């Protein structure tokens, strides 16, 4: 089992628009593909002096091949839409985790 985690740092001025978009558009479209399941969205609780809020968005995939299929089909275009919508107001990075228990 692969956990596909993307950590986003979101500017304060787009905070509620980002959350609305992730919940109402991004997550449903990602799950609709059938390659990903069990979406989880969490606010990262951290001590930092930067403005903005950080979030972890996680999906599960059966294996890395399944995740790669999603990225090469709907995942790439969905991520491009996210960047086009919010531009430099968000920054993100991906972490792949392999579940062992």
N, C-alpha and C. Protein backbone atom coordinates (compact mmCIF):
# COMPACT_ATOMS: atom_id res chain seq x y z
N UNK A 1 0.84 -1.16 0.00
CA UNK A 1 0.00 0.00 0.00
C UNK A 1 0.90 1.25 0.00
N UNK A 2 0.57 2.18 -0.87
CA UNK A 2 1.31 3.43 -0.99
C UNK A 2 0.43 4.57 -0.47
N UNK A 3 1.03 5.43 0.32
CA UNK A 3 0.35 6.66 0.75
C UNK A 3 0.99 7.80 -0.01
N UNK A 4 0.17 8.49 -0.77
CA UNK A 4 0.60 9.62 -1.59
C UNK A 4 0.26 10.89 -0.82
N UNK A 5 1.28 11.51 -0.25
CA UNK A 5 1.10 12.70 0.59
C UNK A 5 1.61 13.93 -0.13
N UNK A 6 0.80 14.97 -0.18
CA UNK A 6 1.27 16.26 -0.67
C UNK A 6 1.08 17.26 0.45
N UNK A 7 2.16 17.94 0.79
CA UNK A 7 2.12 18.99 1.80
C UNK A 7 2.04 20.32 1.06
N UNK A 8 1.03 21.11 1.42
CA UNK A 8 0.82 22.42 0.81
C UNK A 8 0.97 23.50 1.87
N UNK A 9 1.66 24.56 1.50
CA UNK A 9 1.66 25.76 2.33
C UNK A 9 0.81 26.79 1.59
N UNK A 10 -0.19 27.33 2.28
CA UNK A 10 -1.22 28.15 1.66
C UNK A 10 -1.20 29.56 2.26
N UNK A 11 -1.15 30.57 1.39
CA UNK A 11 -1.21 31.96 1.84
C UNK A 11 -2.54 32.24 2.53
N UNK A 12 -2.49 33.11 3.54
CA UNK A 12 -3.70 33.45 4.30
C UNK A 12 -4.82 34.00 3.42
N UNK A 13 -4.48 34.78 2.40
CA UNK A 13 -5.51 35.44 1.60
C UNK A 13 -6.34 34.48 0.75
N UNK A 14 -5.86 33.29 0.50
CA UNK A 14 -6.63 32.33 -0.29
C UNK A 14 -7.04 31.11 0.52
N UNK A 15 -6.82 31.15 1.80
CA UNK A 15 -7.03 30.01 2.69
C UNK A 15 -8.40 29.37 2.52
N UNK A 16 -9.48 30.10 2.64
CA UNK A 16 -10.81 29.48 2.54
C UNK A 16 -11.13 29.03 1.12
N UNK A 17 -10.67 29.77 0.11
CA UNK A 17 -10.89 29.36 -1.27
C UNK A 17 -10.15 28.05 -1.56
N UNK A 18 -8.93 27.93 -1.04
CA UNK A 18 -8.16 26.70 -1.20
C UNK A 18 -8.91 25.51 -0.58
N UNK A 19 -9.36 25.66 0.66
CA UNK A 19 -10.06 24.57 1.32
C UNK A 19 -11.34 24.18 0.58
N UNK A 20 -12.09 25.17 0.13
CA UNK A 20 -13.31 24.88 -0.64
C UNK A 20 -12.97 24.10 -1.91
N UNK A 21 -11.95 24.54 -2.63
CA UNK A 21 -11.56 23.89 -3.88
C UNK A 21 -11.07 22.46 -3.63
N UNK A 22 -10.23 22.27 -2.64
CA UNK A 22 -9.70 20.94 -2.34
C UNK A 22 -10.84 19.99 -1.99
N UNK A 23 -11.75 20.45 -1.13
CA UNK A 23 -12.85 19.60 -0.67
C UNK A 23 -13.89 19.32 -1.76
N UNK A 24 -14.25 20.35 -2.52
CA UNK A 24 -15.37 20.20 -3.46
C UNK A 24 -14.95 19.77 -4.86
N UNK A 25 -13.70 19.99 -5.24
CA UNK A 25 -13.27 19.70 -6.61
C UNK A 25 -12.10 18.71 -6.66
N UNK A 26 -10.99 19.06 -6.03
CA UNK A 26 -9.76 18.27 -6.17
C UNK A 26 -9.95 16.84 -5.64
N UNK A 27 -10.37 16.70 -4.40
CA UNK A 27 -10.52 15.37 -3.82
C UNK A 27 -11.54 14.52 -4.59
N UNK A 28 -12.75 15.04 -4.85
CA UNK A 28 -13.71 14.21 -5.60
C UNK A 28 -13.18 13.78 -6.97
N UNK A 29 -12.51 14.67 -7.69
CA UNK A 29 -11.98 14.30 -9.01
C UNK A 29 -10.85 13.28 -8.89
N UNK A 30 -10.01 13.41 -7.88
CA UNK A 30 -8.92 12.44 -7.69
C UNK A 30 -9.48 11.05 -7.37
N UNK A 31 -10.52 11.00 -6.54
CA UNK A 31 -11.11 9.72 -6.17
C UNK A 31 -11.92 9.11 -7.32
N UNK A 32 -12.50 9.97 -8.15
CA UNK A 32 -13.32 9.52 -9.27
C UNK A 32 -12.53 8.64 -10.24
N UNK A 33 -11.24 8.84 -10.30
CA UNK A 33 -10.40 8.06 -11.22
C UNK A 33 -10.40 6.58 -10.91
N UNK A 34 -10.64 6.23 -9.64
CA UNK A 34 -10.59 4.84 -9.22
C UNK A 34 -9.20 4.34 -8.87
N UNK A 35 -8.18 5.14 -9.16
CA UNK A 35 -6.80 4.74 -8.83
C UNK A 35 -6.45 5.05 -7.38
N UNK A 36 -7.06 6.08 -6.83
CA UNK A 36 -6.78 6.52 -5.45
C UNK A 36 -8.02 6.32 -4.59
N UNK A 37 -7.80 6.16 -3.30
CA UNK A 37 -8.92 6.06 -2.37
C UNK A 37 -8.49 6.59 -1.00
N UNK A 38 -9.46 6.70 -0.10
CA UNK A 38 -9.24 7.17 1.27
C UNK A 38 -8.50 8.50 1.34
N UNK A 39 -9.13 9.54 0.89
CA UNK A 39 -8.53 10.87 0.99
C UNK A 39 -8.57 11.35 2.43
N UNK A 40 -7.50 11.98 2.84
CA UNK A 40 -7.42 12.60 4.18
C UNK A 40 -6.79 13.97 4.04
N UNK A 41 -7.42 14.94 4.68
CA UNK A 41 -6.90 16.30 4.69
C UNK A 41 -6.68 16.70 6.14
N UNK A 42 -5.47 17.16 6.44
CA UNK A 42 -5.14 17.54 7.82
C UNK A 42 -4.35 18.84 7.82
N UNK A 43 -4.63 19.65 8.82
CA UNK A 43 -3.83 20.86 9.02
C UNK A 43 -2.58 20.46 9.78
N UNK A 44 -1.45 20.96 9.36
CA UNK A 44 -0.18 20.66 10.01
C UNK A 44 0.00 21.64 11.17
N UNK A 45 0.16 21.07 12.33
CA UNK A 45 0.36 21.87 13.53
C UNK A 45 1.86 22.00 13.73
N UNK A 46 2.37 23.19 13.51
CA UNK A 46 3.81 23.40 13.59
C UNK A 46 4.09 24.77 14.18
N UNK A 47 5.22 24.88 14.76
CA UNK A 47 5.67 26.16 15.29
C UNK A 47 6.54 26.82 14.23
N UNK A 48 6.00 27.83 13.58
CA UNK A 48 6.79 28.58 12.61
C UNK A 48 6.30 30.02 12.61
N UNK A 49 7.14 30.90 12.16
CA UNK A 49 6.81 32.32 12.19
C UNK A 49 6.32 32.84 10.85
N UNK A 50 6.17 31.96 9.87
CA UNK A 50 5.72 32.38 8.55
C UNK A 50 4.21 32.56 8.55
N UNK A 51 3.72 33.53 7.77
CA UNK A 51 2.26 33.61 7.61
C UNK A 51 1.78 32.45 6.74
N UNK A 52 0.52 32.12 6.86
CA UNK A 52 -0.05 31.03 6.07
C UNK A 52 -0.27 29.79 6.91
N UNK A 53 -0.86 28.79 6.28
CA UNK A 53 -1.19 27.53 6.95
C UNK A 53 -0.73 26.39 6.06
N UNK A 54 -0.25 25.32 6.69
CA UNK A 54 0.19 24.15 5.94
C UNK A 54 -0.79 23.00 6.14
N UNK A 55 -0.98 22.23 5.06
CA UNK A 55 -1.91 21.11 5.06
C UNK A 55 -1.23 19.88 4.47
N UNK A 56 -1.67 18.73 4.93
CA UNK A 56 -1.26 17.45 4.35
C UNK A 56 -2.50 16.86 3.69
N UNK A 57 -2.38 16.55 2.41
CA UNK A 57 -3.44 15.88 1.67
C UNK A 57 -2.91 14.50 1.30
N UNK A 58 -3.59 13.47 1.79
CA UNK A 58 -3.13 12.10 1.57
C UNK A 58 -4.18 11.27 0.84
N UNK A 59 -3.69 10.43 -0.04
CA UNK A 59 -4.51 9.43 -0.71
C UNK A 59 -3.77 8.10 -0.59
N UNK A 60 -4.52 7.03 -0.65
CA UNK A 60 -3.92 5.70 -0.69
C UNK A 60 -4.03 5.16 -2.11
N UNK A 61 -3.03 4.40 -2.50
CA UNK A 61 -3.03 3.71 -3.79
C UNK A 61 -2.58 2.27 -3.54
N UNK A 62 -3.06 1.37 -4.35
CA UNK A 62 -2.73 -0.05 -4.18
C UNK A 62 -1.23 -0.30 -4.23
N UNK A 63 -0.55 0.37 -5.17
CA UNK A 63 0.90 0.20 -5.32
C UNK A 63 1.45 1.37 -6.14
N UNK A 64 2.75 1.41 -6.33
CA UNK A 64 3.36 2.53 -7.04
C UNK A 64 2.98 2.55 -8.52
N UNK A 65 2.72 1.39 -9.11
CA UNK A 65 2.27 1.36 -10.51
C UNK A 65 0.90 2.02 -10.67
N UNK A 66 0.02 1.75 -9.74
CA UNK A 66 -1.31 2.36 -9.76
C UNK A 66 -1.21 3.86 -9.59
N UNK A 67 -0.37 4.29 -8.68
CA UNK A 67 -0.16 5.73 -8.47
C UNK A 67 0.40 6.37 -9.74
N UNK A 68 1.36 5.71 -10.36
CA UNK A 68 1.96 6.23 -11.60
C UNK A 68 0.90 6.37 -12.70
N UNK A 69 0.00 5.39 -12.80
CA UNK A 69 -1.09 5.48 -13.77
C UNK A 69 -1.96 6.71 -13.51
N UNK A 70 -2.29 6.95 -12.24
CA UNK A 70 -3.09 8.13 -11.89
C UNK A 70 -2.35 9.42 -12.26
N UNK A 71 -1.07 9.48 -11.91
CA UNK A 71 -0.29 10.68 -12.21
C UNK A 71 -0.22 10.93 -13.71
N UNK A 72 -0.08 9.87 -14.51
CA UNK A 72 0.05 10.01 -15.96
C UNK A 72 -1.28 10.26 -16.67
N UNK A 73 -2.37 10.02 -15.98
CA UNK A 73 -3.68 10.27 -16.60
C UNK A 73 -4.28 11.52 -15.99
N UNK A 74 -5.14 11.36 -15.02
CA UNK A 74 -5.85 12.51 -14.46
C UNK A 74 -5.04 13.31 -13.45
N UNK A 75 -4.08 12.71 -12.79
CA UNK A 75 -3.33 13.40 -11.74
C UNK A 75 -2.56 14.61 -12.22
N UNK A 76 -1.88 14.46 -13.34
CA UNK A 76 -1.08 15.56 -13.87
C UNK A 76 -1.96 16.77 -14.22
N UNK A 77 -3.06 16.53 -14.90
CA UNK A 77 -3.93 17.65 -15.27
C UNK A 77 -4.62 18.27 -14.06
N UNK A 78 -4.98 17.45 -13.08
CA UNK A 78 -5.59 17.97 -11.86
C UNK A 78 -4.62 18.86 -11.09
N UNK A 79 -3.37 18.44 -11.01
CA UNK A 79 -2.37 19.27 -10.34
C UNK A 79 -2.10 20.56 -11.11
N UNK A 80 -2.10 20.50 -12.42
CA UNK A 80 -1.92 21.72 -13.22
C UNK A 80 -3.06 22.70 -13.00
N UNK A 81 -4.28 22.19 -12.87
CA UNK A 81 -5.43 23.05 -12.59
C UNK A 81 -5.27 23.74 -11.23
N UNK A 82 -4.79 23.00 -10.25
CA UNK A 82 -4.57 23.56 -8.91
C UNK A 82 -3.56 24.70 -8.97
N UNK A 83 -2.46 24.49 -9.66
CA UNK A 83 -1.43 25.52 -9.78
C UNK A 83 -1.94 26.71 -10.59
N UNK A 84 -2.69 26.45 -11.64
CA UNK A 84 -3.24 27.55 -12.45
C UNK A 84 -4.21 28.40 -11.63
N UNK A 85 -4.96 27.76 -10.76
CA UNK A 85 -5.94 28.48 -9.95
C UNK A 85 -5.29 29.34 -8.87
N UNK A 86 -4.26 28.81 -8.19
CA UNK A 86 -3.69 29.50 -7.03
C UNK A 86 -2.29 30.05 -7.25
N UNK A 87 -1.62 29.63 -8.29
CA UNK A 87 -0.30 30.17 -8.62
C UNK A 87 0.68 30.11 -7.47
N UNK A 88 1.34 31.22 -7.24
CA UNK A 88 2.37 31.29 -6.20
C UNK A 88 1.80 31.44 -4.79
N UNK A 89 0.50 31.42 -4.67
CA UNK A 89 -0.14 31.54 -3.34
C UNK A 89 -0.11 30.22 -2.58
N UNK A 90 0.28 29.13 -3.28
CA UNK A 90 0.49 27.85 -2.62
C UNK A 90 1.84 27.29 -3.05
N UNK A 91 2.40 26.50 -2.18
CA UNK A 91 3.63 25.77 -2.50
C UNK A 91 3.44 24.36 -1.98
N UNK A 92 3.88 23.38 -2.74
CA UNK A 92 3.68 22.01 -2.30
C UNK A 92 4.84 21.11 -2.63
N UNK A 93 4.91 20.01 -1.89
CA UNK A 93 5.88 18.97 -2.21
C UNK A 93 5.26 17.61 -1.88
N UNK A 94 5.69 16.60 -2.60
CA UNK A 94 5.13 15.26 -2.50
C UNK A 94 6.06 14.36 -1.70
N UNK A 95 5.45 13.50 -0.88
CA UNK A 95 6.17 12.45 -0.17
C UNK A 95 5.41 11.15 -0.42
N UNK A 96 6.12 10.12 -0.85
CA UNK A 96 5.51 8.80 -1.01
C UNK A 96 5.89 7.95 0.20
N UNK A 97 4.90 7.33 0.78
CA UNK A 97 5.11 6.49 1.95
C UNK A 97 4.64 5.08 1.64
N UNK A 98 5.35 4.10 2.12
CA UNK A 98 4.93 2.71 1.96
C UNK A 98 4.47 2.21 3.32
N UNK A 99 3.21 1.81 3.38
CA UNK A 99 2.64 1.32 4.62
C UNK A 99 3.25 -0.05 4.95
N UNK A 100 3.73 -0.22 6.18
CA UNK A 100 4.36 -1.50 6.54
C UNK A 100 3.56 -2.26 7.59
N UNK A 101 2.62 -1.62 8.25
CA UNK A 101 1.75 -2.31 9.22
C UNK A 101 0.32 -1.96 8.97
